[in-house]
Structure formats: structure tokens, C-alpha cells
């Protein structure tokens, strides 16, 4: 995988990706529901056009598309994801996210720049949050040196990249780096955007399922630095 002169990621050659896309495009397109697509696009604030596939329909079609295909290597995963992201309809992006989630353990830390590209391109919570918790989080678990990248991402001007840094430990439970979690929340405590404030509350609320007292003590010290939304979300299940 390389970078072109325009700064975009090159799509690796992949016979498996050729097969997957050749099956995927007609399968999804034939099941399109234009009327539902209008409502789905409106619900997602016009981030992208939709085919109008419900989640159960999309998942059933995905199983058919992938039936009998080989297990991918990292280049295959990158090719499938980038080629899906080049397509306008959002359901193809969902397919890419699901594919990466399923096969992230087969990938190295070299997938992280690809994940960042997906996070920063056609960005909205519906893809970003899954990439954060399941793909980026999985990569950092497998290669702890990537925490250095997360330390950079939390300072990024792109709110979706910063949100990913906040959420990447969402599924870590007892493995959570608490100091880093709290430091990231403080680093973005003054952010004015809803999606950052919500993410702060969400990651704290999720960690509170593992160590509620740590979250209570943290907010007892630092509550005044956070927006009320973040505090409400963090304490939703454990109280003040």
C-alpha cells in the first residue's frame, strides 16, 4: 500500500477484492428500495446517498456475497475497504466496516493509516464509531506501540479522528489504560462540538461498568471542566 501524489491511498491489487466487489455490487443494487433510501439519507443528515437496505436485508445479502470466499490477508482487506469507500452509497461503506471488523486480527499496524482515511472521509458516527471501537481498538490491542498514534489523534483538528481516540478503548474493560482515558477526556473537555462531548460521556460511562468508583472520583475532581452533557452521560448508570 502506498500514497499517490495527491495524498490519497493506493488500492492494492487483490483478486479476492475483485471477486467480492463483483458479487457485492449487483447483490446490493438489486435489493435497493428507493423510497426507504430517501428516509435513510435524511436520518443520517445527508452524509451520503443510500440504497435503502435495512440492516437484516443487508446482512443476509452480505452472507451470500461472502459465501465460499477465501480468508483475506491485509492487502485484501485494504482493497475491499478502499474500493467500497469509493462508492457513493452508504451501505457499501457499512460492508467495508463489517469486513474490517471481521478480519482485523489478520491485519498489522499497517492498517491504521487506512482506518484513519476511512474515519476522515465521508465522516459520520455510523461508520466512525464502529471503526473506532472494533478496528482501531483491535489494532492498538495487538500492537500497543500504536498508543503513540492515539496520543496524536486526540489532538487532531478533525473531530472524528479525535472522537476515535476517545472511543478506541470502548471495549477494553479491565484492560483499559485508565490514565490515558482520563487524560484524553481532559484534553478535549473544552471542545464545543456535540459529538466530542457525547464521546467523552460515552467512554466514561462504558468504563464505569468496570470501575464505577474510578469514574466517580475522576468526575468529583474534574467535573467543572466538562460540559453538562458529558457528565450526565458518564454518570447515567452509576449516579453522582
C-alpha atoms as a PDB file:
ATOM      1  CA  UNK A   1       0.000   0.000   0.000  1.00  0.00           C
ATOM      2  CA  UNK A   2       1.359   3.414  -0.953  1.00  0.00           C
ATOM      3  CA  UNK A   3       0.308   7.031  -1.221  1.00  0.00           C
ATOM      4  CA  UNK A   4      -0.333   8.735  -4.522  1.00  0.00           C
ATOM      5  CA  UNK A   5       0.870  12.175  -5.463  1.00  0.00           C
ATOM      6  CA  UNK A   6      -2.480  13.611  -4.403  1.00  0.00           C
ATOM      7  CA  UNK A   7      -2.144  12.170  -0.906  1.00  0.00           C
ATOM      8  CA  UNK A   8      -4.818   9.521  -1.383  1.00  0.00           C
ATOM      9  CA  UNK A   9      -4.208   5.883  -0.543  1.00  0.00           C
ATOM     10  CA  UNK A  10      -3.437   3.495  -3.362  1.00  0.00           C
ATOM     11  CA  UNK A  11      -5.716   0.490  -3.663  1.00  0.00           C
ATOM     12  CA  UNK A  12      -3.678  -2.724  -3.629  1.00  0.00           C
ATOM     13  CA  UNK A  13      -4.194  -5.297  -6.343  1.00  0.00           C
ATOM     14  CA  UNK A  14      -6.391  -8.077  -4.982  1.00  0.00           C
ATOM     15  CA  UNK A  15      -8.096 -10.904  -6.836  1.00  0.00           C
ATOM     16  CA  UNK A  16     -10.209 -11.545  -3.750  1.00  0.00           C
ATOM     17  CA  UNK A  17     -11.411  -7.944  -3.725  1.00  0.00           C
ATOM     18  CA  UNK A  18     -12.258  -8.291  -7.432  1.00  0.00           C
ATOM     19  CA  UNK A  19     -14.442 -11.290  -6.612  1.00  0.00           C
ATOM     20  CA  UNK A  20     -16.085  -9.677  -3.596  1.00  0.00           C
ATOM     21  CA  UNK A  21     -16.934  -6.449  -5.408  1.00  0.00           C
ATOM     22  CA  UNK A  22     -18.191  -8.316  -8.466  1.00  0.00           C
ATOM     23  CA  UNK A  23     -20.682 -10.106  -6.224  1.00  0.00           C
ATOM     24  CA  UNK A  24     -21.439  -7.211  -3.913  1.00  0.00           C
ATOM     25  CA  UNK A  25     -22.490  -4.508  -6.342  1.00  0.00           C
ATOM     26  CA  UNK A  26     -25.285  -6.391  -8.129  1.00  0.00           C
ATOM     27  CA  UNK A  27     -26.490  -8.080  -4.923  1.00  0.00           C
ATOM     28  CA  UNK A  28     -26.971  -4.800  -3.091  1.00  0.00           C
ATOM     29  CA  UNK A  29     -28.209  -2.874  -6.123  1.00  0.00           C
ATOM     30  CA  UNK A  30     -30.908  -5.403  -6.971  1.00  0.00           C
ATOM     31  CA  UNK A  31     -32.318  -5.173  -3.443  1.00  0.00           C
ATOM     32  CA  UNK A  32     -32.411  -1.373  -3.381  1.00  0.00           C
ATOM     33  CA  UNK A  33     -35.523   0.345  -2.033  1.00  0.00           C
ATOM     34  CA  UNK A  34     -35.512   3.928  -3.373  1.00  0.00           C
ATOM     35  CA  UNK A  35     -38.332   5.099  -1.116  1.00  0.00           C
ATOM     36  CA  UNK A  36     -36.625   3.816   2.017  1.00  0.00           C
ATOM     37  CA  UNK A  37     -33.336   5.249   0.770  1.00  0.00           C
ATOM     38  CA  UNK A  38     -34.732   8.786   0.947  1.00  0.00           C
ATOM     39  CA  UNK A  39     -35.719   8.349   4.591  1.00  0.00           C
ATOM     40  CA  UNK A  40     -32.376   6.758   5.499  1.00  0.00           C
ATOM     41  CA  UNK A  41     -30.445   9.578   3.868  1.00  0.00           C
ATOM     42  CA  UNK A  42     -32.478  12.159   5.764  1.00  0.00           C
ATOM     43  CA  UNK A  43     -31.967  10.333   9.072  1.00  0.00           C
ATOM     44  CA  UNK A  44     -28.205  10.382   8.536  1.00  0.00           C
ATOM     45  CA  UNK A  45     -28.269  14.124   7.796  1.00  0.00           C
ATOM     46  CA  UNK A  46     -27.499  13.701   4.100  1.00  0.00           C
ATOM     47  CA  UNK A  47     -23.987  12.391   4.743  1.00  0.00           C
ATOM     48  CA  UNK A  48     -24.299  10.063   1.725  1.00  0.00           C
ATOM     49  CA  UNK A  49     -26.893   8.555  -0.606  1.00  0.00           C
ATOM     50  CA  UNK A  50     -28.381   5.219   0.418  1.00  0.00           C
ATOM     51  CA  UNK A  51     -29.656   2.168  -1.422  1.00  0.00           C
ATOM     52  CA  UNK A  52     -32.384   1.719   1.164  1.00  0.00           C
ATOM     53  CA  UNK A  53     -31.320  -1.647   2.582  1.00  0.00           C
ATOM     54  CA  UNK A  54     -32.463  -2.465   6.095  1.00  0.00           C
ATOM     55  CA  UNK A  55     -29.853  -3.970   8.375  1.00  0.00           C
ATOM     56  CA  UNK A  56     -31.331  -7.514   8.287  1.00  0.00           C
ATOM     57  CA  UNK A  57     -31.533  -7.442   4.490  1.00  0.00           C
ATOM     58  CA  UNK A  58     -28.018  -6.076   4.154  1.00  0.00           C
ATOM     59  CA  UNK A  59     -26.554  -8.687   6.488  1.00  0.00           C
ATOM     60  CA  UNK A  60     -28.314 -11.519   4.669  1.00  0.00           C
ATOM     61  CA  UNK A  61     -27.005 -10.259   1.338  1.00  0.00           C
ATOM     62  CA  UNK A  62     -23.509  -9.927   2.795  1.00  0.00           C
ATOM     63  CA  UNK A  63     -23.533 -13.551   3.908  1.00  0.00           C
ATOM     64  CA  UNK A  64     -24.462 -14.589   0.372  1.00  0.00           C
ATOM     65  CA  UNK A  65     -21.785 -12.362  -1.170  1.00  0.00           C
ATOM     66  CA  UNK A  66     -19.048 -13.773   1.068  1.00  0.00           C
ATOM     67  CA  UNK A  67     -20.112 -17.400   0.941  1.00  0.00           C
ATOM     68  CA  UNK A  68     -17.196 -19.558  -0.175  1.00  0.00           C
ATOM     69  CA  UNK A  69     -14.698 -16.698  -0.438  1.00  0.00           C
ATOM     70  CA  UNK A  70     -11.173 -17.118   0.885  1.00  0.00           C
ATOM     71  CA  UNK A  71      -9.884 -15.638   4.086  1.00  0.00           C
ATOM     72  CA  UNK A  72      -8.299 -12.285   3.259  1.00  0.00           C
ATOM     73  CA  UNK A  73      -4.829 -11.051   4.015  1.00  0.00           C
ATOM     74  CA  UNK A  74      -4.169  -7.434   4.890  1.00  0.00           C
ATOM     75  CA  UNK A  75      -3.882  -6.294   1.269  1.00  0.00           C
ATOM     76  CA  UNK A  76      -7.253  -7.880   0.505  1.00  0.00           C
ATOM     77  CA  UNK A  77      -8.829  -6.086   3.470  1.00  0.00           C
ATOM     78  CA  UNK A  78      -7.384  -2.764   2.374  1.00  0.00           C
ATOM     79  CA  UNK A  79      -8.524  -3.264  -1.215  1.00  0.00           C
ATOM     80  CA  UNK A  80     -12.074  -4.204  -0.233  1.00  0.00           C
ATOM     81  CA  UNK A  81     -12.376  -1.280   2.190  1.00  0.00           C
ATOM     82  CA  UNK A  82     -10.962   1.382  -0.113  1.00  0.00           C
ATOM     83  CA  UNK A  83     -12.932   0.212  -3.134  1.00  0.00           C
ATOM     84  CA  UNK A  84     -16.148   0.188  -1.124  1.00  0.00           C
ATOM     85  CA  UNK A  85     -15.403   3.672   0.185  1.00  0.00           C
ATOM     86  CA  UNK A  86     -15.068   4.948  -3.366  1.00  0.00           C
ATOM     87  CA  UNK A  87     -18.711   4.018  -3.984  1.00  0.00           C
ATOM     88  CA  UNK A  88     -21.290   6.670  -3.103  1.00  0.00           C
ATOM     89  CA  UNK A  89     -23.958   4.616  -1.360  1.00  0.00           C
ATOM     90  CA  UNK A  90     -23.570   4.241   2.386  1.00  0.00           C
ATOM     91  CA  UNK A  91     -24.375   0.540   2.509  1.00  0.00           C
ATOM     92  CA  UNK A  92     -21.108  -0.199   0.708  1.00  0.00           C
ATOM     93  CA  UNK A  93     -19.276   1.681   3.458  1.00  0.00           C
ATOM     94  CA  UNK A  94     -21.102  -0.441   6.030  1.00  0.00           C
ATOM     95  CA  UNK A  95     -19.955  -3.554   4.184  1.00  0.00           C
ATOM     96  CA  UNK A  96     -16.344  -2.330   4.387  1.00  0.00           C
ATOM     97  CA  UNK A  97     -16.616  -1.621   8.099  1.00  0.00           C
ATOM     98  CA  UNK A  98     -18.094  -5.051   8.782  1.00  0.00           C
ATOM     99  CA  UNK A  99     -15.407  -6.715   6.669  1.00  0.00           C
ATOM    100  CA  UNK A 100     -12.632  -4.984   8.580  1.00  0.00           C
ATOM    101  CA  UNK A 101     -14.253  -5.781  11.924  1.00  0.00           C
ATOM    102  CA  UNK A 102     -14.413  -9.434  10.976  1.00  0.00           C
ATOM    103  CA  UNK A 103     -10.809  -9.652   9.812  1.00  0.00           C
ATOM    104  CA  UNK A 104      -8.921  -7.033  11.850  1.00  0.00           C
ATOM    105  CA  UNK A 105      -6.988  -9.777  13.661  1.00  0.00           C
ATOM    106  CA  UNK A 106      -5.480 -10.759  10.291  1.00  0.00           C
ATOM    107  CA  UNK A 107      -4.064  -7.255   9.818  1.00  0.00           C
ATOM    108  CA  UNK A 108      -1.000  -5.479  11.147  1.00  0.00           C
ATOM    109  CA  UNK A 109      -0.476  -1.975  12.458  1.00  0.00           C
ATOM    110  CA  UNK A 110      -0.079  -1.016   8.809  1.00  0.00           C
ATOM    111  CA  UNK A 111      -3.869  -0.916   8.579  1.00  0.00           C
ATOM    112  CA  UNK A 112      -4.041   2.126  10.866  1.00  0.00           C
ATOM    113  CA  UNK A 113      -3.499   4.752   8.116  1.00  0.00           C
ATOM    114  CA  UNK A 114      -6.288   3.096   6.128  1.00  0.00           C
ATOM    115  CA  UNK A 115      -8.593   3.226   9.140  1.00  0.00           C
ATOM    116  CA  UNK A 116      -7.775   6.901   9.584  1.00  0.00           C
ATOM    117  CA  UNK A 117      -8.588   7.576   5.950  1.00  0.00           C
ATOM    118  CA  UNK A 118     -11.982   5.909   6.339  1.00  0.00           C
ATOM    119  CA  UNK A 119     -12.650   7.807   9.565  1.00  0.00           C
ATOM    120  CA  UNK A 120     -11.818  11.146   7.960  1.00  0.00           C
ATOM    121  CA  UNK A 121     -13.680  10.519   4.688  1.00  0.00           C
ATOM    122  CA  UNK A 122     -17.490  10.726   4.433  1.00  0.00           C
ATOM    123  CA  UNK A 123     -17.412  11.021   8.207  1.00  0.00           C
ATOM    124  CA  UNK A 124     -20.393  10.386  10.449  1.00  0.00           C
ATOM    125  CA  UNK A 125     -20.998   8.461  13.655  1.00  0.00           C
ATOM    126  CA  UNK A 126     -22.499   5.427  11.893  1.00  0.00           C
ATOM    127  CA  UNK A 127     -19.121   4.352  10.493  1.00  0.00           C
ATOM    128  CA  UNK A 128     -16.671   6.200  12.734  1.00  0.00           C
ATOM    129  CA  UNK A 129     -17.824   4.644  15.993  1.00  0.00           C
ATOM    130  CA  UNK A 130     -17.569   1.071  14.735  1.00  0.00           C
ATOM    131  CA  UNK A 131     -14.170   1.716  13.212  1.00  0.00           C
ATOM    132  CA  UNK A 132     -13.027   3.272  16.492  1.00  0.00           C
ATOM    133  CA  UNK A 133     -14.150   0.528  18.859  1.00  0.00           C
ATOM    134  CA  UNK A 134     -13.691  -2.550  16.687  1.00  0.00           C
ATOM    135  CA  UNK A 135     -10.947  -1.777  14.169  1.00  0.00           C
ATOM    136  CA  UNK A 136      -8.691   0.875  15.692  1.00  0.00           C
ATOM    137  CA  UNK A 137      -9.226  -0.570  19.153  1.00  0.00           C
ATOM    138  CA  UNK A 138      -8.297  -4.018  17.878  1.00  0.00           C
ATOM    139  CA  UNK A 139      -5.156  -2.742  16.183  1.00  0.00           C
ATOM    140  CA  UNK A 140      -3.966  -0.929  19.310  1.00  0.00           C
ATOM    141  CA  UNK A 141      -4.609  -4.032  21.408  1.00  0.00           C
ATOM    142  CA  UNK A 142      -2.479  -6.109  19.046  1.00  0.00           C
ATOM    143  CA  UNK A 143       0.301  -3.501  18.848  1.00  0.00           C
ATOM    144  CA  UNK A 144       0.460  -1.297  21.952  1.00  0.00           C
ATOM    145  CA  UNK A 145       3.025   0.945  20.252  1.00  0.00           C
ATOM    146  CA  UNK A 146       0.057   2.429  18.403  1.00  0.00           C
ATOM    147  CA  UNK A 147      -0.918   4.235  21.590  1.00  0.00           C
ATOM    148  CA  UNK A 148       1.574   6.856  20.413  1.00  0.00           C
ATOM    149  CA  UNK A 149      -0.645   7.398  17.378  1.00  0.00           C
ATOM    150  CA  UNK A 150      -3.691   7.715  19.620  1.00  0.00           C
ATOM    151  CA  UNK A 151      -1.850  10.372  21.621  1.00  0.00           C
ATOM    152  CA  UNK A 152      -1.561  12.324  18.373  1.00  0.00           C
ATOM    153  CA  UNK A 153      -5.104  11.626  17.211  1.00  0.00           C
ATOM    154  CA  UNK A 154      -6.625  13.037  20.396  1.00  0.00           C
ATOM    155  CA  UNK A 155      -5.155  16.432  19.463  1.00  0.00           C
ATOM    156  CA  UNK A 156      -6.325  16.298  15.847  1.00  0.00           C
ATOM    157  CA  UNK A 157      -8.365  19.161  14.411  1.00  0.00           C
ATOM    158  CA  UNK A 158     -10.637  16.608  12.722  1.00  0.00           C
ATOM    159  CA  UNK A 159     -13.255  15.948  15.392  1.00  0.00           C
ATOM    160  CA  UNK A 160     -13.900  12.421  14.069  1.00  0.00           C
ATOM    161  CA  UNK A 161     -10.242  11.479  14.470  1.00  0.00           C
ATOM    162  CA  UNK A 162     -10.253  12.893  17.998  1.00  0.00           C
ATOM    163  CA  UNK A 163     -13.529  11.067  18.717  1.00  0.00           C
ATOM    164  CA  UNK A 164     -11.884   7.832  17.585  1.00  0.00           C
ATOM    165  CA  UNK A 165      -9.047   8.340  20.061  1.00  0.00           C
ATOM    166  CA  UNK A 166     -11.609   8.781  22.829  1.00  0.00           C
ATOM    167  CA  UNK A 167     -13.579   5.696  21.824  1.00  0.00           C
ATOM    168  CA  UNK A 168     -10.855   3.246  20.822  1.00  0.00           C
ATOM    169  CA  UNK A 169     -10.761   1.698  24.331  1.00  0.00           C
ATOM    170  CA  UNK A 170     -14.536   1.355  24.498  1.00  0.00           C
ATOM    171  CA  UNK A 171     -14.432  -2.462  24.619  1.00  0.00           C
ATOM    172  CA  UNK A 172     -11.288  -2.850  26.718  1.00  0.00           C
ATOM    173  CA  UNK A 173     -12.966  -3.236  30.144  1.00  0.00           C
ATOM    174  CA  UNK A 174     -10.267  -4.348  32.634  1.00  0.00           C
ATOM    175  CA  UNK A 175      -7.563  -3.747  30.026  1.00  0.00           C
ATOM    176  CA  UNK A 176      -8.384  -0.035  29.827  1.00  0.00           C
ATOM    177  CA  UNK A 177      -5.469   2.336  30.256  1.00  0.00           C
ATOM    178  CA  UNK A 178      -7.287   4.488  32.802  1.00  0.00           C
ATOM    179  CA  UNK A 179      -4.716   7.254  32.950  1.00  0.00           C
ATOM    180  CA  UNK A 180      -4.816   7.620  29.175  1.00  0.00           C
ATOM    181  CA  UNK A 181      -8.623   7.501  29.111  1.00  0.00           C
ATOM    182  CA  UNK A 182      -8.940  10.263  31.693  1.00  0.00           C
ATOM    183  CA  UNK A 183      -6.179  12.327  30.074  1.00  0.00           C
ATOM    184  CA  UNK A 184      -7.920  12.151  26.702  1.00  0.00           C
ATOM    185  CA  UNK A 185     -11.199  13.262  28.258  1.00  0.00           C
ATOM    186  CA  UNK A 186      -9.477  16.215  29.890  1.00  0.00           C
ATOM    187  CA  UNK A 187      -7.641  17.062  26.670  1.00  0.00           C
ATOM    188  CA  UNK A 188     -10.981  17.526  24.899  1.00  0.00           C
ATOM    189  CA  UNK A 189     -13.043  18.756  27.847  1.00  0.00           C
ATOM    190  CA  UNK A 190     -13.324  22.251  26.397  1.00  0.00           C
ATOM    191  CA  UNK A 191     -14.460  21.102  22.949  1.00  0.00           C
ATOM    192  CA  UNK A 192     -17.721  22.714  21.892  1.00  0.00           C
ATOM    193  CA  UNK A 193     -18.931  20.059  19.455  1.00  0.00           C
ATOM    194  CA  UNK A 194     -21.753  17.711  20.468  1.00  0.00           C
ATOM    195  CA  UNK A 195     -20.005  14.612  19.107  1.00  0.00           C
ATOM    196  CA  UNK A 196     -16.877  15.150  21.195  1.00  0.00           C
ATOM    197  CA  UNK A 197     -18.855  15.959  24.333  1.00  0.00           C
ATOM    198  CA  UNK A 198     -21.024  12.906  23.785  1.00  0.00           C
ATOM    199  CA  UNK A 199     -17.973  10.686  23.207  1.00  0.00           C
ATOM    200  CA  UNK A 200     -16.397  11.840  26.467  1.00  0.00           C
ATOM    201  CA  UNK A 201     -19.514  10.841  28.360  1.00  0.00           C
ATOM    202  CA  UNK A 202     -19.843   7.581  26.475  1.00  0.00           C
ATOM    203  CA  UNK A 203     -16.301   6.338  27.072  1.00  0.00           C
ATOM    204  CA  UNK A 204     -16.526   7.240  30.760  1.00  0.00           C
ATOM    205  CA  UNK A 205     -19.937   5.583  31.094  1.00  0.00           C
ATOM    206  CA  UNK A 206     -18.607   2.431  29.458  1.00  0.00           C
ATOM    207  CA  UNK A 207     -15.565   2.303  31.728  1.00  0.00           C
ATOM    208  CA  UNK A 208     -17.838   2.883  34.728  1.00  0.00           C
ATOM    209  CA  UNK A 209     -19.265  -0.592  34.089  1.00  0.00           C
ATOM    210  CA  UNK A 210     -15.808  -1.911  35.010  1.00  0.00           C
ATOM    211  CA  UNK A 211     -14.719   0.573  37.696  1.00  0.00           C
ATOM    212  CA  UNK A 212     -17.558   2.887  38.734  1.00  0.00           C
ATOM    213  CA  UNK A 213     -15.636   4.297  41.684  1.00  0.00           C
ATOM    214  CA  UNK A 214     -12.753   5.436  39.488  1.00  0.00           C
ATOM    215  CA  UNK A 215     -15.157   7.355  37.257  1.00  0.00           C
ATOM    216  CA  UNK A 216     -16.955   8.892  40.242  1.00  0.00           C
ATOM    217  CA  UNK A 217     -13.660  10.010  41.773  1.00  0.00           C
ATOM    218  CA  UNK A 218     -12.429  11.411  38.461  1.00  0.00           C
ATOM    219  CA  UNK A 219     -15.566  13.480  37.972  1.00  0.00           C
ATOM    220  CA  UNK A 220     -15.608  14.577  41.588  1.00  0.00           C
ATOM    221  CA  UNK A 221     -12.215  16.184  40.924  1.00  0.00           C
ATOM    222  CA  UNK A 222     -12.720  17.397  37.375  1.00  0.00           C
ATOM    223  CA  UNK A 223     -16.474  17.856  36.886  1.00  0.00           C
ATOM    224  CA  UNK A 224     -16.212  21.604  36.417  1.00  0.00           C
ATOM    225  CA  UNK A 225     -14.078  21.166  33.312  1.00  0.00           C
ATOM    226  CA  UNK A 226     -16.724  19.181  31.418  1.00  0.00           C
ATOM    227  CA  UNK A 227     -19.911  20.114  29.650  1.00  0.00           C
ATOM    228  CA  UNK A 228     -23.103  19.024  31.467  1.00  0.00           C
ATOM    229  CA  UNK A 229     -23.836  16.617  28.594  1.00  0.00           C
ATOM    230  CA  UNK A 230     -20.563  14.754  29.187  1.00  0.00           C
ATOM    231  CA  UNK A 231     -21.193  14.493  32.929  1.00  0.00           C
ATOM    232  CA  UNK A 232     -24.775  13.278  32.502  1.00  0.00           C
ATOM    233  CA  UNK A 233     -23.695  10.622  30.061  1.00  0.00           C
ATOM    234  CA  UNK A 234     -20.815   9.467  32.233  1.00  0.00           C
ATOM    235  CA  UNK A 235     -22.932   9.135  35.378  1.00  0.00           C
ATOM    236  CA  UNK A 236     -26.072   7.807  33.734  1.00  0.00           C
ATOM    237  CA  UNK A 237     -25.788   4.323  35.228  1.00  0.00           C
ATOM    238  CA  UNK A 238     -23.849   4.969  38.434  1.00  0.00           C
ATOM    239  CA  UNK A 239     -25.163   8.218  39.887  1.00  0.00           C
ATOM    240  CA  UNK A 240     -23.192  11.136  41.247  1.00  0.00           C
END
